[in-house]
Amino acid sequence: MIRWKADDELNNLLQRYYGGEGELWSRIRNQVTDELRRRGIEGARHIRFRRCDDGYEVIIEDASGYEAE
């Protein structure tokens, strides 16, 4: 499992997304994917977010067992 605090831009997108604003998921997913690439992490991953007092925490879990063959 990998965790990190969302930056200001991602926090803003997540607040809007969870507030009901549509069509933001692809932007959110792209930001997380870009960060994973910067960290040299590839492969299928489950993406979760946890609300904290100071924003959101990004939680990434391996999903290799769910990859399409």
PDB file of N, CA and C in Angstrom:
ATOM      1  N   MET A   1       0.844  -1.171   0.000  1.00  0.00           N
ATOM      2  CA  MET A   1       0.000   0.000   0.000  1.00  0.00           C
ATOM      3  C   MET A   1       0.893   1.239   0.000  1.00  0.00           C
ATOM      4  N   ILE A   2       0.506   2.203  -0.796  1.00  0.00           N
ATOM      5  CA  ILE A   2       1.233   3.466  -0.912  1.00  0.00           C
ATOM      6  C   ILE A   2       0.269   4.576  -0.503  1.00  0.00           C
ATOM      7  N   ARG A   3       0.777   5.538   0.263  1.00  0.00           N
ATOM      8  CA  ARG A   3      -0.055   6.656   0.718  1.00  0.00           C
ATOM      9  C   ARG A   3       0.711   7.963   0.574  1.00  0.00           C
ATOM     10  N   TRP A   4      -0.018   9.018   0.260  1.00  0.00           N
ATOM     11  CA  TRP A   4       0.560  10.356   0.304  1.00  0.00           C
ATOM     12  C   TRP A   4      -0.563  11.378   0.434  1.00  0.00           C
ATOM     13  N   LYS A   5      -0.202  12.549   0.902  1.00  0.00           N
ATOM     14  CA  LYS A   5      -1.162  13.649   1.016  1.00  0.00           C
ATOM     15  C   LYS A   5      -1.371  14.262  -0.364  1.00  0.00           C
ATOM     16  N   ALA A   6      -2.612  14.482  -0.729  1.00  0.00           N
ATOM     17  CA  ALA A   6      -2.925  15.120  -2.003  1.00  0.00           C
ATOM     18  C   ALA A   6      -2.430  16.564  -1.982  1.00  0.00           C
ATOM     19  N   ASP A   7      -1.930  17.019  -3.130  1.00  0.00           N
ATOM     20  CA  ASP A   7      -1.508  18.415  -3.223  1.00  0.00           C
ATOM     21  C   ASP A   7      -2.745  19.313  -3.345  1.00  0.00           C
ATOM     22  N   ASP A   8      -2.526  20.616  -3.359  1.00  0.00           N
ATOM     23  CA  ASP A   8      -3.642  21.570  -3.375  1.00  0.00           C
ATOM     24  C   ASP A   8      -4.554  21.371  -4.582  1.00  0.00           C
ATOM     25  N   GLU A   9      -3.966  21.149  -5.752  1.00  0.00           N
ATOM     26  CA  GLU A   9      -4.769  20.984  -6.965  1.00  0.00           C
ATOM     27  C   GLU A   9      -5.649  19.736  -6.883  1.00  0.00           C
ATOM     28  N   LEU A  10      -5.072  18.625  -6.443  1.00  0.00           N
ATOM     29  CA  LEU A  10      -5.848  17.393  -6.319  1.00  0.00           C
ATOM     30  C   LEU A  10      -6.898  17.530  -5.219  1.00  0.00           C
ATOM     31  N   ASN A  11      -6.556  18.162  -4.107  1.00  0.00           N
ATOM     32  CA  ASN A  11      -7.543  18.407  -3.050  1.00  0.00           C
ATOM     33  C   ASN A  11      -8.736  19.190  -3.587  1.00  0.00           C
ATOM     34  N   ASN A  12      -8.461  20.205  -4.377  1.00  0.00           N
ATOM     35  CA  ASN A  12      -9.522  21.016  -4.963  1.00  0.00           C
ATOM     36  C   ASN A  12     -10.417  20.165  -5.860  1.00  0.00           C
ATOM     37  N   LEU A  13      -9.809  19.356  -6.731  1.00  0.00           N
ATOM     38  CA  LEU A  13     -10.590  18.486  -7.613  1.00  0.00           C
ATOM     39  C   LEU A  13     -11.441  17.505  -6.811  1.00  0.00           C
ATOM     40  N   LEU A  14     -10.859  16.924  -5.771  1.00  0.00           N
ATOM     41  CA  LEU A  14     -11.593  15.956  -4.957  1.00  0.00           C
ATOM     42  C   LEU A  14     -12.753  16.611  -4.211  1.00  0.00           C
ATOM     43  N   GLN A  15     -12.544  17.805  -3.689  1.00  0.00           N
ATOM     44  CA  GLN A  15     -13.634  18.515  -3.007  1.00  0.00           C
ATOM     45  C   GLN A  15     -14.782  18.771  -3.970  1.00  0.00           C
ATOM     46  N   ARG A  16     -14.460  19.189  -5.178  1.00  0.00           N
ATOM     47  CA  ARG A  16     -15.485  19.441  -6.188  1.00  0.00           C
ATOM     48  C   ARG A  16     -16.182  18.145  -6.597  1.00  0.00           C
ATOM     49  N   TYR A  17     -15.397  17.078  -6.781  1.00  0.00           N
ATOM     50  CA  TYR A  17     -15.938  15.779  -7.190  1.00  0.00           C
ATOM     51  C   TYR A  17     -16.901  15.237  -6.132  1.00  0.00           C
ATOM     52  N   TYR A  18     -16.455  15.208  -4.888  1.00  0.00           N
ATOM     53  CA  TYR A  18     -17.308  14.695  -3.816  1.00  0.00           C
ATOM     54  C   TYR A  18     -18.450  15.647  -3.479  1.00  0.00           C
ATOM     55  N   GLY A  19     -18.345  16.892  -3.919  1.00  0.00           N
ATOM     56  CA  GLY A  19     -19.432  17.851  -3.758  1.00  0.00           C
ATOM     57  C   GLY A  19     -20.498  17.721  -4.829  1.00  0.00           C
ATOM     58  N   GLY A  20     -20.280  16.806  -5.780  1.00  0.00           N
ATOM     59  CA  GLY A  20     -21.292  16.538  -6.791  1.00  0.00           C
ATOM     60  C   GLY A  20     -20.972  17.038  -8.184  1.00  0.00           C
ATOM     61  N   GLU A  21     -19.838  17.695  -8.348  1.00  0.00           N
ATOM     62  CA  GLU A  21     -19.485  18.187  -9.679  1.00  0.00           C
ATOM     63  C   GLU A  21     -19.043  17.015 -10.550  1.00  0.00           C
ATOM     64  N   GLY A  22     -19.653  16.882 -11.691  1.00  0.00           N
ATOM     65  CA  GLY A  22     -19.377  15.743 -12.567  1.00  0.00           C
ATOM     66  C   GLY A  22     -18.172  15.947 -13.462  1.00  0.00           C
ATOM     67  N   GLU A  23     -17.816  14.883 -14.136  1.00  0.00           N
ATOM     68  CA  GLU A  23     -16.792  14.880 -15.183  1.00  0.00           C
ATOM     69  C   GLU A  23     -15.395  15.236 -14.691  1.00  0.00           C
ATOM     70  N   LEU A  24     -15.091  14.954 -13.440  1.00  0.00           N
ATOM     71  CA  LEU A  24     -13.761  15.260 -12.906  1.00  0.00           C
ATOM     72  C   LEU A  24     -12.908  14.018 -12.701  1.00  0.00           C
ATOM     73  N   TRP A  25     -13.522  12.824 -12.745  1.00  0.00           N
ATOM     74  CA  TRP A  25     -12.784  11.611 -12.401  1.00  0.00           C
ATOM     75  C   TRP A  25     -11.565  11.397 -13.293  1.00  0.00           C
ATOM     76  N   SER A  26     -11.671  11.646 -14.591  1.00  0.00           N
ATOM     77  CA  SER A  26     -10.512  11.421 -15.469  1.00  0.00           C
ATOM     78  C   SER A  26      -9.359  12.348 -15.099  1.00  0.00           C
ATOM     79  N   ARG A  27      -9.644  13.578 -14.718  1.00  0.00           N
ATOM     80  CA  ARG A  27      -8.581  14.502 -14.293  1.00  0.00           C
ATOM     81  C   ARG A  27      -7.950  14.036 -12.990  1.00  0.00           C
ATOM     82  N   ILE A  28      -8.775  13.561 -12.066  1.00  0.00           N
ATOM     83  CA  ILE A  28      -8.269  13.046 -10.788  1.00  0.00           C
ATOM     84  C   ILE A  28      -7.389  11.834 -11.041  1.00  0.00           C
ATOM     85  N   ARG A  29      -7.888  10.896 -11.828  1.00  0.00           N
ATOM     86  CA  ARG A  29      -7.136   9.676 -12.134  1.00  0.00           C
ATOM     87  C   ARG A  29      -5.813  10.002 -12.831  1.00  0.00           C
ATOM     88  N   ASN A  30      -5.831  10.947 -13.754  1.00  0.00           N
ATOM     89  CA  ASN A  30      -4.600  11.333 -14.454  1.00  0.00           C
ATOM     90  C   ASN A  30      -3.571  11.917 -13.500  1.00  0.00           C
ATOM     91  N   GLN A  31      -3.996  12.724 -12.546  1.00  0.00           N
ATOM     92  CA  GLN A  31      -3.047  13.287 -11.575  1.00  0.00           C
ATOM     93  C   GLN A  31      -2.414  12.194 -10.733  1.00  0.00           C
ATOM     94  N   VAL A  32      -3.219  11.223 -10.305  1.00  0.00           N
ATOM     95  CA  VAL A  32      -2.689  10.117  -9.505  1.00  0.00           C
ATOM     96  C   VAL A  32      -1.745   9.267 -10.350  1.00  0.00           C
ATOM     97  N   THR A  33      -2.131   8.972 -11.580  1.00  0.00           N
ATOM     98  CA  THR A  33      -1.287   8.175 -12.480  1.00  0.00           C
ATOM     99  C   THR A  33       0.037   8.877 -12.741  1.00  0.00           C
ATOM    100  N   ASP A  34       0.005  10.185 -12.952  1.00  0.00           N
ATOM    101  CA  ASP A  34       1.244  10.950 -13.164  1.00  0.00           C
ATOM    102  C   ASP A  34       2.166  10.845 -11.953  1.00  0.00           C
ATOM    103  N   GLU A  35       1.605  10.931 -10.756  1.00  0.00           N
ATOM    104  CA  GLU A  35       2.418  10.820  -9.539  1.00  0.00           C
ATOM    105  C   GLU A  35       3.005   9.415  -9.406  1.00  0.00           C
ATOM    106  N   LEU A  36       2.221   8.401  -9.723  1.00  0.00           N
ATOM    107  CA  LEU A  36       2.739   7.029  -9.670  1.00  0.00           C
ATOM    108  C   LEU A  36       3.891   6.850 -10.657  1.00  0.00           C
ATOM    109  N   ARG A  37       3.764   7.413 -11.843  1.00  0.00           N
ATOM    110  CA  ARG A  37       4.856   7.335 -12.834  1.00  0.00           C
ATOM    111  C   ARG A  37       6.107   8.034 -12.324  1.00  0.00           C
ATOM    112  N   ARG A  38       5.934   9.206 -11.711  1.00  0.00           N
ATOM    113  CA  ARG A  38       7.092   9.925 -11.153  1.00  0.00           C
ATOM    114  C   ARG A  38       7.802   9.074 -10.108  1.00  0.00           C
ATOM    115  N   ARG A  39       7.042   8.253  -9.403  1.00  0.00           N
ATOM    116  CA  ARG A  39       7.610   7.377  -8.379  1.00  0.00           C
ATOM    117  C   ARG A  39       8.095   6.046  -8.956  1.00  0.00           C
ATOM    118  N   GLY A  40       7.932   5.865 -10.271  1.00  0.00           N
ATOM    119  CA  GLY A  40       8.386   4.635 -10.918  1.00  0.00           C
ATOM    120  C   GLY A  40       7.490   3.438 -10.656  1.00  0.00           C
ATOM    121  N   ILE A  41       6.223   3.685 -10.387  1.00  0.00           N
ATOM    122  CA  ILE A  41       5.280   2.614 -10.065  1.00  0.00           C
ATOM    123  C   ILE A  41       4.338   2.414 -11.242  1.00  0.00           C
ATOM    124  N   GLU A  42       4.260   1.169 -11.714  1.00  0.00           N
ATOM    125  CA  GLU A  42       3.368   0.848 -12.827  1.00  0.00           C
ATOM    126  C   GLU A  42       2.517  -0.357 -12.469  1.00  0.00           C
ATOM    127  N   GLY A  43       1.550  -0.654 -13.306  1.00  0.00           N
ATOM    128  CA  GLY A  43       0.683  -1.804 -13.087  1.00  0.00           C
ATOM    129  C   GLY A  43      -0.685  -1.384 -12.585  1.00  0.00           C
ATOM    130  N   ALA A  44      -1.569  -2.353 -12.479  1.00  0.00           N
ATOM    131  CA  ALA A  44      -2.943  -2.092 -12.043  1.00  0.00           C
ATOM    132  C   ALA A  44      -2.968  -1.712 -10.565  1.00  0.00           C
ATOM    133  N   ARG A  45      -3.727  -0.684 -10.248  1.00  0.00           N
ATOM    134  CA  ARG A  45      -3.817  -0.184  -8.876  1.00  0.00           C
ATOM    135  C   ARG A  45      -5.246   0.206  -8.550  1.00  0.00           C
ATOM    136  N   HIS A  46      -5.634  -0.009  -7.307  1.00  0.00           N
ATOM    137  CA  HIS A  46      -6.884   0.535  -6.779  1.00  0.00           C
ATOM    138  C   HIS A  46      -6.545   1.906  -6.206  1.00  0.00           C
ATOM    139  N   ILE A  47      -7.364   2.891  -6.540  1.00  0.00           N
ATOM    140  CA  ILE A  47      -7.172   4.251  -6.041  1.00  0.00           C
ATOM    141  C   ILE A  47      -8.295   4.552  -5.051  1.00  0.00           C
ATOM    142  N   ARG A  48      -7.912   4.988  -3.862  1.00  0.00           N
ATOM    143  CA  ARG A  48      -8.891   5.411  -2.859  1.00  0.00           C
ATOM    144  C   ARG A  48      -8.437   6.744  -2.280  1.00  0.00           C
ATOM    145  N   PHE A  49      -9.384   7.445  -1.697  1.00  0.00           N
ATOM    146  CA  PHE A  49      -9.084   8.718  -1.048  1.00  0.00           C
ATOM    147  C   PHE A  49      -9.738   8.724   0.326  1.00  0.00           C
ATOM    148  N   ARG A  50      -9.020   9.267   1.289  1.00  0.00           N
ATOM    149  CA  ARG A  50      -9.546   9.383   2.645  1.00  0.00           C
ATOM    150  C   ARG A  50      -9.532  10.850   3.035  1.00  0.00           C
ATOM    151  N   ARG A  51     -10.673  11.342   3.458  1.00  0.00           N
ATOM    152  CA  ARG A  51     -10.792  12.739   3.886  1.00  0.00           C
ATOM    153  C   ARG A  51     -10.103  12.910   5.227  1.00  0.00           C
ATOM    154  N   CYS A  52      -9.252  13.920   5.314  1.00  0.00           N
ATOM    155  CA  CYS A  52      -8.552  14.274   6.553  1.00  0.00           C
ATOM    156  C   CYS A  52      -8.904  15.715   6.905  1.00  0.00           C
ATOM    157  N   ASP A  53      -8.499  16.158   8.065  1.00  0.00           N
ATOM    158  CA  ASP A  53      -8.779  17.533   8.477  1.00  0.00           C
ATOM    159  C   ASP A  53      -8.158  18.557   7.541  1.00  0.00           C
ATOM    160  N   ASP A  54      -7.019  18.216   6.950  1.00  0.00           N
ATOM    161  CA  ASP A  54      -6.292  19.167   6.105  1.00  0.00           C
ATOM    162  C   ASP A  54      -6.315  18.801   4.627  1.00  0.00           C
ATOM    163  N   GLY A  55      -7.298  18.037   4.178  1.00  0.00           N
ATOM    164  CA  GLY A  55      -7.398  17.670   2.768  1.00  0.00           C
ATOM    165  C   GLY A  55      -7.662  16.180   2.619  1.00  0.00           C
ATOM    166  N   TYR A  56      -7.092  15.608   1.578  1.00  0.00           N
ATOM    167  CA  TYR A  56      -7.299  14.187   1.304  1.00  0.00           C
ATOM    168  C   TYR A  56      -5.981  13.438   1.311  1.00  0.00           C
ATOM    169  N   GLU A  57      -6.072  12.188   1.699  1.00  0.00           N
ATOM    170  CA  GLU A  57      -4.944  11.273   1.599  1.00  0.00           C
ATOM    171  C   GLU A  57      -5.226  10.350   0.418  1.00  0.00           C
ATOM    172  N   VAL A  58      -4.217  10.144  -0.420  1.00  0.00           N
ATOM    173  CA  VAL A  58      -4.317   9.225  -1.549  1.00  0.00           C
ATOM    174  C   VAL A  58      -3.834   7.866  -1.057  1.00  0.00           C
ATOM    175  N   ILE A  59      -4.617   6.833  -1.327  1.00  0.00           N
ATOM    176  CA  ILE A  59      -4.272   5.473  -0.909  1.00  0.00           C
ATOM    177  C   ILE A  59      -4.283   4.588  -2.149  1.00  0.00           C
ATOM    178  N   ILE A  60      -3.143   3.976  -2.413  1.00  0.00           N
ATOM    179  CA  ILE A  60      -2.984   3.138  -3.600  1.00  0.00           C
ATOM    180  C   ILE A  60      -2.712   1.710  -3.149  1.00  0.00           C
ATOM    181  N   GLU A  61      -3.483   0.776  -3.702  1.00  0.00           N
ATOM    182  CA  GLU A  61      -3.284  -0.637  -3.391  1.00  0.00           C
ATOM    183  C   GLU A  61      -3.083  -1.412  -4.684  1.00  0.00           C
ATOM    184  N   ASP A  62      -2.282  -2.453  -4.620  1.00  0.00           N
ATOM    185  CA  ASP A  62      -2.022  -3.305  -5.769  1.00  0.00           C
ATOM    186  C   ASP A  62      -3.317  -3.971  -6.226  1.00  0.00           C
ATOM    187  N   ALA A  63      -3.528  -4.015  -7.528  1.00  0.00           N
ATOM    188  CA  ALA A  63      -4.706  -4.676  -8.091  1.00  0.00           C
ATOM    189  C   ALA A  63      -4.298  -5.639  -9.194  1.00  0.00           C
ATOM    190  N   SER A  64      -3.086  -6.152  -9.116  1.00  0.00           N
ATOM    191  CA  SER A  64      -2.583  -7.009 -10.194  1.00  0.00           C
ATOM    192  C   SER A  64      -3.463  -8.228 -10.423  1.00  0.00           C
ATOM    193  N   GLY A  65      -4.136  -8.723  -9.425  1.00  0.00           N
ATOM    194  CA  GLY A  65      -5.021  -9.865  -9.594  1.00  0.00           C
ATOM    195  C   GLY A  65      -6.287  -9.549 -10.370  1.00  0.00           C
ATOM    196  N   TYR A  66      -6.541  -8.260 -10.622  1.00  0.00           N
ATOM    197  CA  TYR A  66      -7.748  -7.842 -11.320  1.00  0.00           C
ATOM    198  C   TYR A  66      -7.481  -7.429 -12.764  1.00  0.00           C
ATOM    199  N   GLU A  67      -6.242  -7.524 -13.223  1.00  0.00           N
ATOM    200  CA  GLU A  67      -5.908  -7.107 -14.582  1.00  0.00           C
ATOM    201  C   GLU A  67      -6.600  -7.993 -15.605  1.00  0.00           C
ATOM    202  N   ALA A  68      -7.006  -7.390 -16.712  1.00  0.00           N
ATOM    203  CA  ALA A  68      -7.595  -8.151 -17.818  1.00  0.00           C
ATOM    204  C   ALA A  68      -6.503  -8.954 -18.505  1.00  0.00           C
ATOM    205  N   GLU A  69      -6.843 -10.151 -18.882  1.00  0.00           N
ATOM    206  CA  GLU A  69      -5.844 -11.012 -19.543  1.00  0.00           C
ATOM    207  C   GLU A  69      -5.924 -10.882 -21.032  1.00  0.00           C
TER     208      GLU A  69
END
